Amino acid sequence: MNSLLQKAAAVNGNGAINGRSIPYTHLTEYERVQMAADAVTAAHPYIPSVKTAARDFGTTPAKISAELDHRAVQHRVEQVKKLAEALRCLPTHLRDAVIEATGVGLVWDSVERLTR
């Protein structure tokens, strides 16, 4: 989780206020008030920390983290399905070119693992 902290700025490149980084920004009280007003009025999207979201929604950080992990797994499954479908839809010569570019050895290693 520490890699997610952005100590340099509380507002990331897309204009969202990152709640995880606010304690590390060394803002003045007035700047914090302005940022809070921006969040309340939706001038900038606000992304709360897991701890803050747990408090606000009456649940625990562990349950939120488990849900985030579940969603990440589901996202990966969907990505794999889309890639597999794209590969199946390719004409044979393009599929062969993808396998060649990937490396035949890598493909054979995967086939070996999957057929054990």
Protein backbone atom coordinates (compact mmCIF):
# COMPACT_ATOMS: atom_id res chain seq x y z
CA MET A 1 0.00 0.00 0.00
CA ASN A 2 2.91 2.38 0.65
CA SER A 3 3.72 2.48 -3.05
CA LEU A 4 0.30 4.05 -3.59
CA LEU A 5 1.11 7.04 -1.42
CA GLN A 6 1.88 10.19 -3.33
CA LYS A 7 3.87 12.30 -0.92
CA ALA A 8 4.55 15.09 -3.38
CA ALA A 9 0.95 16.16 -3.96
CA ALA A 10 -2.52 15.43 -2.64
CA VAL A 11 -4.03 16.09 -6.06
CA ASN A 12 -2.89 13.62 -8.69
CA GLY A 13 -2.57 14.16 -12.43
CA ASN A 14 -6.27 13.67 -13.17
CA GLY A 15 -7.37 16.23 -10.56
CA ALA A 16 -8.61 13.72 -7.98
CA ILE A 17 -7.78 14.34 -4.33
CA ASN A 18 -6.01 11.29 -2.97
CA GLY A 19 -6.97 10.84 0.67
CA ARG A 20 -4.02 8.54 1.35
CA SER A 21 -1.52 11.30 0.64
CA ILE A 22 -3.13 14.26 2.45
CA PRO A 23 -1.21 13.69 5.72
CA TYR A 24 2.09 13.85 3.81
CA THR A 25 1.51 17.07 1.87
CA HIS A 26 2.36 19.60 4.62
CA LEU A 27 -0.47 21.88 3.54
CA THR A 28 -1.49 24.93 5.51
CA GLU A 29 -4.82 24.84 7.30
CA TYR A 30 -6.30 27.17 4.67
CA GLU A 31 -5.09 24.88 1.84
CA ARG A 32 -6.66 21.88 3.62
CA VAL A 33 -9.93 23.83 3.98
CA GLN A 34 -9.86 24.66 0.26
CA MET A 35 -9.18 21.04 -0.64
CA ALA A 36 -12.01 19.85 1.64
CA ALA A 37 -14.38 22.37 0.04
CA ASP A 38 -13.34 21.12 -3.41
CA ALA A 39 -14.10 17.55 -2.32
CA VAL A 40 -17.48 18.45 -0.80
CA THR A 41 -18.59 20.41 -3.86
CA ALA A 42 -17.18 17.75 -6.24
CA ALA A 43 -14.90 20.31 -7.86
CA HIS A 44 -12.30 17.53 -7.62
CA PRO A 45 -13.11 13.85 -7.11
CA TYR A 46 -12.06 12.62 -3.67
CA ILE A 47 -10.53 9.17 -3.24
CA PRO A 48 -10.59 8.34 0.47
CA SER A 49 -8.15 6.03 2.17
CA VAL A 50 -9.38 2.53 3.01
CA LYS A 51 -9.45 3.51 6.69
CA THR A 52 -11.57 6.60 5.98
CA ALA A 53 -13.94 4.69 3.71
CA ALA A 54 -14.36 2.00 6.37
CA ARG A 55 -15.26 4.62 8.96
CA ASP A 56 -17.63 6.48 6.62
CA PHE A 57 -19.45 3.33 5.47
CA GLY A 58 -19.51 1.55 8.83
CA THR A 59 -17.35 -1.43 7.92
CA THR A 60 -13.76 -2.56 8.47
CA PRO A 61 -10.62 -1.88 6.45
CA ALA A 62 -10.04 -5.64 6.24
CA LYS A 63 -13.40 -6.20 4.55
CA ILE A 64 -12.77 -3.38 2.09
CA SER A 65 -9.30 -4.74 1.30
CA ALA A 66 -10.77 -8.20 0.73
CA GLU A 67 -13.34 -6.72 -1.66
CA LEU A 68 -10.63 -4.79 -3.52
CA ASP A 69 -8.58 -8.00 -3.82
CA HIS A 70 -11.65 -9.85 -5.12
CA ARG A 71 -12.27 -7.13 -7.70
CA ALA A 72 -8.62 -7.23 -8.82
CA VAL A 73 -8.88 -10.99 -9.38
CA GLN A 74 -12.13 -10.57 -11.31
CA HIS A 75 -10.55 -7.83 -13.44
CA ARG A 76 -7.62 -10.11 -14.25
CA VAL A 77 -9.99 -12.95 -15.20
CA GLU A 78 -11.85 -10.63 -17.56
CA GLN A 79 -8.59 -9.41 -19.12
CA VAL A 80 -7.47 -13.00 -19.71
CA LYS A 81 -10.83 -13.88 -21.29
CA LYS A 82 -10.61 -10.89 -23.64
CA LEU A 83 -7.04 -11.71 -24.64
CA ALA A 84 -7.93 -15.36 -25.24
CA GLU A 85 -10.91 -14.37 -27.39
CA ALA A 86 -8.78 -11.92 -29.38
CA LEU A 87 -6.17 -14.64 -29.99
CA ARG A 88 -8.85 -17.14 -31.07
CA CYS A 89 -10.28 -14.61 -33.54
CA LEU A 90 -6.95 -14.03 -35.27
CA PRO A 91 -6.29 -15.69 -38.61
CA THR A 92 -3.81 -18.55 -38.36
CA HIS A 93 -0.88 -16.63 -39.87
CA LEU A 94 -1.33 -13.74 -37.40
CA ARG A 95 -1.73 -16.13 -34.46
CA ASP A 96 1.52 -17.79 -35.51
CA ALA A 97 3.20 -14.37 -35.70
CA VAL A 98 2.04 -13.56 -32.15
CA ILE A 99 3.40 -16.87 -30.86
CA GLU A 100 6.68 -16.32 -32.70
CA ALA A 101 7.00 -12.78 -31.29
CA THR A 102 6.16 -14.05 -27.79
CA GLY A 103 8.69 -16.81 -28.07
CA VAL A 104 7.89 -20.42 -28.86
CA GLY A 105 9.79 -21.56 -25.76
CA LEU A 106 7.57 -19.45 -23.53
CA VAL A 107 4.47 -20.94 -25.17
CA TRP A 108 5.81 -24.50 -24.77
CA ASP A 109 6.62 -23.81 -21.11
CA SER A 110 3.02 -22.75 -20.58
CA VAL A 111 1.66 -25.76 -22.43
CA GLU A 112 3.83 -28.05 -20.30
CA ARG A 113 2.59 -26.47 -17.05
CA LEU A 114 -1.03 -26.65 -18.16
CA THR A 115 -0.87 -30.31 -19.19
CA ARG A 116 0.79 -31.71 -16.06
